[in-house]
Amino acid sequence: QVQLVDSGGAVVQSGGSLRLSCVASGLTLTFSGYKMSWYRQAPGKEREAVATITNFPSHRTDYSTSVAGRFTIFRDDGKNTIYLQMNHMEPEDTAVYYCHVFDVHKIREYWGKGTQVTVSS
């Protein structure tokens, strides 16, 4: 059974930093067919992808324009964990953050339960 456990959310001040973690079980993140992302959903807004990491055809990371240059997605293969390092945070980053894995071969997706991030001005 696949499970994604995301954590690390907290209240931080504007300009601060935070690191989110997503521990995966039931799948191996190094598999080439996985697309791993962090999404976020602010109150009254649609859920949006903010950072993505893919394995195939080569290691690649992509970011939304709102977080590019401030957030970094990376993976620890030994811990089967995805991270989102968030720096220079802004009140607009306040949202529930979700870990997401999409299996491009099985056309199946998995979600974490979400972790709340609040940035105070």
N, C-alpha and C. Protein backbone atom coordinates (compact mmCIF):
# COMPACT_ATOMS: atom_id res chain seq x y z
N GLN A 1 0.85 -1.19 0.00
CA GLN A 1 0.00 0.00 0.00
C GLN A 1 0.89 1.24 0.00
N VAL A 2 0.61 2.16 -0.92
CA VAL A 2 1.40 3.38 -1.03
C VAL A 2 0.92 4.40 -0.01
N GLN A 3 1.87 5.00 0.66
CA GLN A 3 1.55 6.04 1.63
C GLN A 3 2.57 7.17 1.52
N LEU A 4 2.07 8.40 1.51
CA LEU A 4 2.92 9.59 1.53
C LEU A 4 2.60 10.35 2.81
N VAL A 5 3.61 10.56 3.63
CA VAL A 5 3.41 11.28 4.89
C VAL A 5 4.17 12.59 4.82
N ASP A 6 3.44 13.67 4.64
CA ASP A 6 4.08 14.98 4.56
C ASP A 6 4.01 15.68 5.91
N SER A 7 5.06 16.43 6.22
CA SER A 7 5.15 17.09 7.51
C SER A 7 6.10 18.28 7.41
N GLY A 8 6.19 19.03 8.52
CA GLY A 8 7.12 20.13 8.59
C GLY A 8 6.47 21.51 8.56
N GLY A 9 5.16 21.54 8.36
CA GLY A 9 4.48 22.83 8.34
C GLY A 9 4.55 23.53 9.69
N ALA A 10 4.54 24.85 9.65
CA ALA A 10 4.65 25.64 10.87
C ALA A 10 4.27 27.08 10.57
N VAL A 11 4.30 27.90 11.62
CA VAL A 11 4.12 29.34 11.46
C VAL A 11 5.51 29.97 11.44
N VAL A 12 5.79 30.74 10.39
CA VAL A 12 7.08 31.42 10.27
C VAL A 12 6.85 32.88 9.94
N GLN A 13 7.84 33.70 10.21
CA GLN A 13 7.74 35.12 9.89
C GLN A 13 8.14 35.36 8.44
N SER A 14 7.63 36.43 7.89
CA SER A 14 8.01 36.82 6.54
C SER A 14 9.52 36.95 6.44
N GLY A 15 10.09 36.36 5.37
CA GLY A 15 11.53 36.36 5.19
C GLY A 15 12.21 35.13 5.75
N GLY A 16 11.47 34.32 6.48
CA GLY A 16 12.04 33.14 7.11
C GLY A 16 12.10 31.94 6.18
N SER A 17 12.54 30.82 6.74
CA SER A 17 12.71 29.59 5.98
C SER A 17 12.02 28.42 6.67
N LEU A 18 11.71 27.42 5.87
CA LEU A 18 11.06 26.22 6.38
C LEU A 18 11.36 25.08 5.42
N ARG A 19 11.47 23.86 5.95
CA ARG A 19 11.66 22.69 5.10
C ARG A 19 10.55 21.68 5.35
N LEU A 20 9.88 21.30 4.29
CA LEU A 20 8.84 20.27 4.35
C LEU A 20 9.43 18.92 3.93
N SER A 21 8.88 17.86 4.51
CA SER A 21 9.33 16.50 4.20
C SER A 21 8.15 15.65 3.77
N CYS A 22 8.43 14.69 2.91
CA CYS A 22 7.40 13.74 2.47
C CYS A 22 8.06 12.36 2.42
N VAL A 23 7.72 11.52 3.37
CA VAL A 23 8.27 10.17 3.44
C VAL A 23 7.35 9.23 2.67
N ALA A 24 7.91 8.52 1.71
CA ALA A 24 7.13 7.61 0.88
C ALA A 24 7.34 6.17 1.30
N SER A 25 6.26 5.40 1.32
CA SER A 25 6.35 3.97 1.56
C SER A 25 5.46 3.27 0.54
N GLY A 26 5.85 2.05 0.18
CA GLY A 26 5.08 1.31 -0.81
C GLY A 26 5.50 1.61 -2.24
N LEU A 27 6.43 2.52 -2.42
CA LEU A 27 7.00 2.80 -3.73
C LEU A 27 8.41 3.33 -3.53
N THR A 28 9.22 3.22 -4.61
CA THR A 28 10.60 3.68 -4.56
C THR A 28 10.73 4.91 -5.44
N LEU A 29 11.12 6.02 -4.87
CA LEU A 29 11.09 7.30 -5.56
C LEU A 29 12.08 7.39 -6.72
N THR A 30 13.06 6.51 -6.77
CA THR A 30 14.03 6.55 -7.86
C THR A 30 13.48 5.95 -9.15
N PHE A 31 12.32 5.34 -9.11
CA PHE A 31 11.72 4.74 -10.29
C PHE A 31 11.51 5.79 -11.37
N SER A 32 11.90 5.47 -12.59
CA SER A 32 11.89 6.47 -13.66
C SER A 32 10.49 6.94 -14.03
N GLY A 33 9.49 6.18 -13.70
CA GLY A 33 8.14 6.53 -14.11
C GLY A 33 7.39 7.44 -13.15
N TYR A 34 8.10 7.95 -12.12
CA TYR A 34 7.42 8.79 -11.16
C TYR A 34 7.72 10.27 -11.39
N LYS A 35 6.67 11.06 -11.23
CA LYS A 35 6.77 12.51 -11.24
C LYS A 35 6.36 12.97 -9.85
N MET A 36 7.28 13.61 -9.14
CA MET A 36 7.06 13.98 -7.74
C MET A 36 6.92 15.48 -7.63
N SER A 37 5.91 15.90 -6.88
CA SER A 37 5.62 17.33 -6.80
C SER A 37 5.18 17.74 -5.41
N TRP A 38 5.31 19.02 -5.16
CA TRP A 38 4.67 19.67 -4.03
C TRP A 38 3.60 20.60 -4.60
N TYR A 39 2.38 20.46 -4.08
CA TYR A 39 1.28 21.35 -4.41
C TYR A 39 0.95 22.18 -3.17
N ARG A 40 0.21 23.26 -3.40
CA ARG A 40 -0.30 24.01 -2.27
C ARG A 40 -1.68 24.54 -2.59
N GLN A 41 -2.45 24.74 -1.54
CA GLN A 41 -3.80 25.29 -1.71
C GLN A 41 -4.06 26.30 -0.61
N ALA A 42 -4.24 27.54 -1.04
CA ALA A 42 -4.55 28.62 -0.12
C ALA A 42 -6.07 28.73 0.02
N PRO A 43 -6.56 29.32 1.10
CA PRO A 43 -8.01 29.46 1.29
C PRO A 43 -8.66 30.18 0.12
N GLY A 44 -9.71 29.58 -0.43
CA GLY A 44 -10.44 30.20 -1.51
C GLY A 44 -9.79 30.09 -2.86
N LYS A 45 -8.67 29.37 -2.95
CA LYS A 45 -7.94 29.24 -4.21
C LYS A 45 -7.83 27.78 -4.62
N GLU A 46 -7.55 27.57 -5.91
CA GLU A 46 -7.37 26.21 -6.41
C GLU A 46 -5.99 25.68 -6.01
N ARG A 47 -5.90 24.37 -5.94
CA ARG A 47 -4.62 23.74 -5.65
C ARG A 47 -3.68 23.94 -6.84
N GLU A 48 -2.44 24.29 -6.57
CA GLU A 48 -1.48 24.55 -7.63
C GLU A 48 -0.17 23.82 -7.34
N ALA A 49 0.48 23.38 -8.42
CA ALA A 49 1.80 22.77 -8.29
C ALA A 49 2.84 23.87 -8.16
N VAL A 50 3.74 23.75 -7.18
CA VAL A 50 4.78 24.76 -7.01
C VAL A 50 6.16 24.23 -7.35
N ALA A 51 6.37 22.92 -7.24
CA ALA A 51 7.69 22.36 -7.55
C ALA A 51 7.55 20.90 -7.95
N THR A 52 8.32 20.50 -8.97
CA THR A 52 8.24 19.14 -9.50
C THR A 52 9.63 18.60 -9.77
N ILE A 53 9.81 17.32 -9.50
CA ILE A 53 11.05 16.65 -9.82
C ILE A 53 10.74 15.37 -10.59
N THR A 54 11.44 15.16 -11.70
CA THR A 54 11.22 13.97 -12.51
C THR A 54 12.54 13.23 -12.70
N ASN A 55 12.42 11.93 -12.98
CA ASN A 55 13.61 11.08 -13.14
C ASN A 55 13.93 10.78 -14.60
N PHE A 56 12.92 10.83 -15.46
CA PHE A 56 13.10 10.39 -16.84
C PHE A 56 12.62 11.47 -17.79
N PRO A 57 13.31 11.69 -18.92
CA PRO A 57 14.52 11.01 -19.39
C PRO A 57 15.79 11.41 -18.67
N SER A 58 15.72 12.46 -17.89
CA SER A 58 16.86 12.87 -17.07
C SER A 58 16.32 13.56 -15.83
N HIS A 59 17.18 13.68 -14.84
CA HIS A 59 16.78 14.37 -13.62
C HIS A 59 16.47 15.82 -13.95
N ARG A 60 15.27 16.27 -13.55
CA ARG A 60 14.85 17.62 -13.86
C ARG A 60 13.96 18.15 -12.75
N THR A 61 14.10 19.46 -12.48
CA THR A 61 13.22 20.12 -11.52
C THR A 61 12.57 21.32 -12.20
N ASP A 62 11.32 21.59 -11.83
CA ASP A 62 10.57 22.73 -12.37
C ASP A 62 9.85 23.43 -11.24
N TYR A 63 9.69 24.74 -11.39
CA TYR A 63 9.07 25.54 -10.35
C TYR A 63 8.04 26.50 -10.94
N SER A 64 7.03 26.81 -10.16
CA SER A 64 6.10 27.85 -10.58
C SER A 64 6.81 29.20 -10.49
N THR A 65 6.31 30.17 -11.24
CA THR A 65 6.96 31.48 -11.25
C THR A 65 6.89 32.15 -9.88
N SER A 66 5.88 31.80 -9.10
CA SER A 66 5.71 32.45 -7.79
C SER A 66 6.75 32.00 -6.77
N VAL A 67 7.40 30.85 -6.99
CA VAL A 67 8.37 30.35 -6.00
C VAL A 67 9.77 30.18 -6.57
N ALA A 68 9.92 30.29 -7.89
CA ALA A 68 11.23 30.09 -8.51
C ALA A 68 12.27 31.03 -7.89
N GLY A 69 13.41 30.45 -7.56
CA GLY A 69 14.48 31.23 -6.94
C GLY A 69 14.41 31.27 -5.42
N ARG A 70 13.27 30.85 -4.86
CA ARG A 70 13.11 30.84 -3.39
C ARG A 70 12.93 29.43 -2.84
N PHE A 71 12.28 28.56 -3.60
CA PHE A 71 12.01 27.19 -3.15
C PHE A 71 12.90 26.22 -3.91
N THR A 72 13.24 25.12 -3.24
CA THR A 72 14.02 24.06 -3.88
C THR A 72 13.42 22.71 -3.52
N ILE A 73 13.15 21.90 -4.53
CA ILE A 73 12.68 20.53 -4.31
C ILE A 73 13.87 19.59 -4.50
N PHE A 74 14.00 18.64 -3.59
CA PHE A 74 15.07 17.66 -3.75
C PHE A 74 14.66 16.37 -3.07
N ARG A 75 15.47 15.33 -3.32
CA ARG A 75 15.09 14.00 -2.86
C ARG A 75 16.28 13.34 -2.17
N ASP A 76 16.00 12.59 -1.10
CA ASP A 76 17.01 11.78 -0.44
C ASP A 76 16.65 10.33 -0.72
N ASP A 77 17.38 9.71 -1.63
CA ASP A 77 17.05 8.34 -2.05
C ASP A 77 17.22 7.34 -0.91
N GLY A 78 18.20 7.57 -0.06
CA GLY A 78 18.42 6.65 1.05
C GLY A 78 17.26 6.64 2.03
N LYS A 79 16.58 7.77 2.15
CA LYS A 79 15.44 7.88 3.06
C LYS A 79 14.10 7.80 2.33
N ASN A 80 14.16 7.66 1.00
CA ASN A 80 12.93 7.62 0.19
C ASN A 80 12.02 8.79 0.54
N THR A 81 12.62 9.97 0.58
CA THR A 81 11.93 11.17 1.06
C THR A 81 12.11 12.32 0.08
N ILE A 82 11.05 13.08 -0.11
CA ILE A 82 11.08 14.29 -0.93
C ILE A 82 11.02 15.48 0.02
N TYR A 83 11.79 16.51 -0.30
CA TYR A 83 11.82 17.71 0.53
C TYR A 83 11.44 18.94 -0.29
N LEU A 84 10.96 19.94 0.41
CA LEU A 84 10.76 21.26 -0.19
C LEU A 84 11.38 22.28 0.76
N GLN A 85 12.50 22.84 0.33
CA GLN A 85 13.16 23.89 1.09
C GLN A 85 12.59 25.23 0.66
N MET A 86 12.05 25.97 1.60
CA MET A 86 11.40 27.25 1.30
C MET A 86 12.17 28.36 1.99
N ASN A 87 12.70 29.29 1.21
CA ASN A 87 13.45 30.43 1.74
C ASN A 87 12.77 31.74 1.34
N HIS A 88 13.14 32.79 2.04
CA HIS A 88 12.58 34.12 1.74
C HIS A 88 11.06 34.06 1.62
N MET A 89 10.46 33.46 2.60
CA MET A 89 9.03 33.22 2.52
C MET A 89 8.23 34.50 2.66
N GLU A 90 7.05 34.47 2.01
CA GLU A 90 6.17 35.64 1.97
C GLU A 90 4.79 35.24 2.49
N PRO A 91 4.01 36.21 2.96
CA PRO A 91 2.65 35.87 3.42
C PRO A 91 1.83 35.15 2.36
N GLU A 92 2.12 35.43 1.08
CA GLU A 92 1.39 34.77 -0.01
C GLU A 92 1.71 33.27 -0.11
N ASP A 93 2.72 32.82 0.61
CA ASP A 93 3.05 31.39 0.62
C ASP A 93 2.18 30.61 1.61
N THR A 94 1.37 31.31 2.37
CA THR A 94 0.49 30.66 3.33
C THR A 94 -0.49 29.74 2.61
N ALA A 95 -0.49 28.47 2.99
CA ALA A 95 -1.33 27.47 2.33
C ALA A 95 -1.13 26.12 3.01
N VAL A 96 -1.97 25.17 2.62
CA VAL A 96 -1.73 23.78 2.96
C VAL A 96 -0.89 23.19 1.83
N TYR A 97 0.22 22.57 2.18
CA TYR A 97 1.13 22.00 1.19
C TYR A 97 0.96 20.48 1.16
N TYR A 98 0.88 19.96 -0.07
CA TYR A 98 0.64 18.53 -0.27
C TYR A 98 1.76 17.91 -1.09
N CYS A 99 2.19 16.76 -0.68
CA CYS A 99 3.13 15.94 -1.45
C CYS A 99 2.33 15.12 -2.46
N HIS A 100 2.86 14.96 -3.67
CA HIS A 100 2.13 14.26 -4.73
C HIS A 100 3.10 13.44 -5.57
N VAL A 101 2.72 12.21 -5.88
CA VAL A 101 3.50 11.35 -6.78
C VAL A 101 2.56 10.84 -7.87
N PHE A 102 2.99 11.03 -9.12
CA PHE A 102 2.20 10.54 -10.25
C PHE A 102 2.98 9.46 -10.97
N ASP A 103 2.35 8.31 -11.14
CA ASP A 103 2.95 7.19 -11.86
C ASP A 103 2.52 7.30 -13.32
N VAL A 104 3.47 7.68 -14.20
CA VAL A 104 3.12 7.94 -15.60
C VAL A 104 2.81 6.67 -16.36
N HIS A 105 3.23 5.51 -15.86
CA HIS A 105 2.96 4.25 -16.54
C HIS A 105 1.59 3.69 -16.17
N LYS A 106 1.28 3.73 -14.88
CA LYS A 106 -0.01 3.20 -14.40
C LYS A 106 -1.10 4.26 -14.41
N ILE A 107 -0.75 5.48 -14.75
CA ILE A 107 -1.69 6.60 -14.72
C ILE A 107 -2.42 6.60 -13.37
N ARG A 108 -1.61 6.69 -12.33
CA ARG A 108 -2.15 6.65 -10.98
C ARG A 108 -1.43 7.71 -10.16
N GLU A 109 -2.15 8.33 -9.24
CA GLU A 109 -1.55 9.37 -8.43
C GLU A 109 -1.77 9.10 -6.95
N TYR A 110 -0.85 9.66 -6.16
CA TYR A 110 -0.90 9.49 -4.71
C TYR A 110 -0.69 10.85 -4.07
N TRP A 111 -1.41 11.08 -2.96
CA TRP A 111 -1.35 12.36 -2.26
C TRP A 111 -1.01 12.15 -0.79
N GLY A 112 -0.25 13.10 -0.25
CA GLY A 112 -0.12 13.19 1.18
C GLY A 112 -1.35 13.88 1.74
N LYS A 113 -1.47 13.91 3.07
CA LYS A 113 -2.64 14.50 3.69
C LYS A 113 -2.53 16.02 3.83
N GLY A 114 -1.33 16.55 3.63
CA GLY A 114 -1.14 17.99 3.70
C GLY A 114 -0.57 18.46 5.02
N THR A 115 0.15 19.56 4.94
CA THR A 115 0.72 20.17 6.13
C THR A 115 0.57 21.69 6.01
N GLN A 116 0.13 22.32 7.08
CA GLN A 116 -0.20 23.76 7.06
C GLN A 116 1.04 24.61 7.23
N VAL A 117 1.19 25.56 6.31
CA VAL A 117 2.26 26.55 6.40
C VAL A 117 1.62 27.93 6.49
N THR A 118 2.02 28.69 7.50
CA THR A 118 1.49 30.04 7.68
C THR A 118 2.67 31.00 7.81
N VAL A 119 2.64 32.04 6.97
CA VAL A 119 3.70 33.05 7.00
C VAL A 119 3.09 34.35 7.51
N SER A 120 3.60 34.82 8.63
CA SER A 120 3.08 36.04 9.23
C SER A 120 3.88 37.25 8.75
N SER A 121 3.20 38.35 8.55
CA SER A 121 3.88 39.56 8.06
C SER A 121 4.42 40.40 9.22
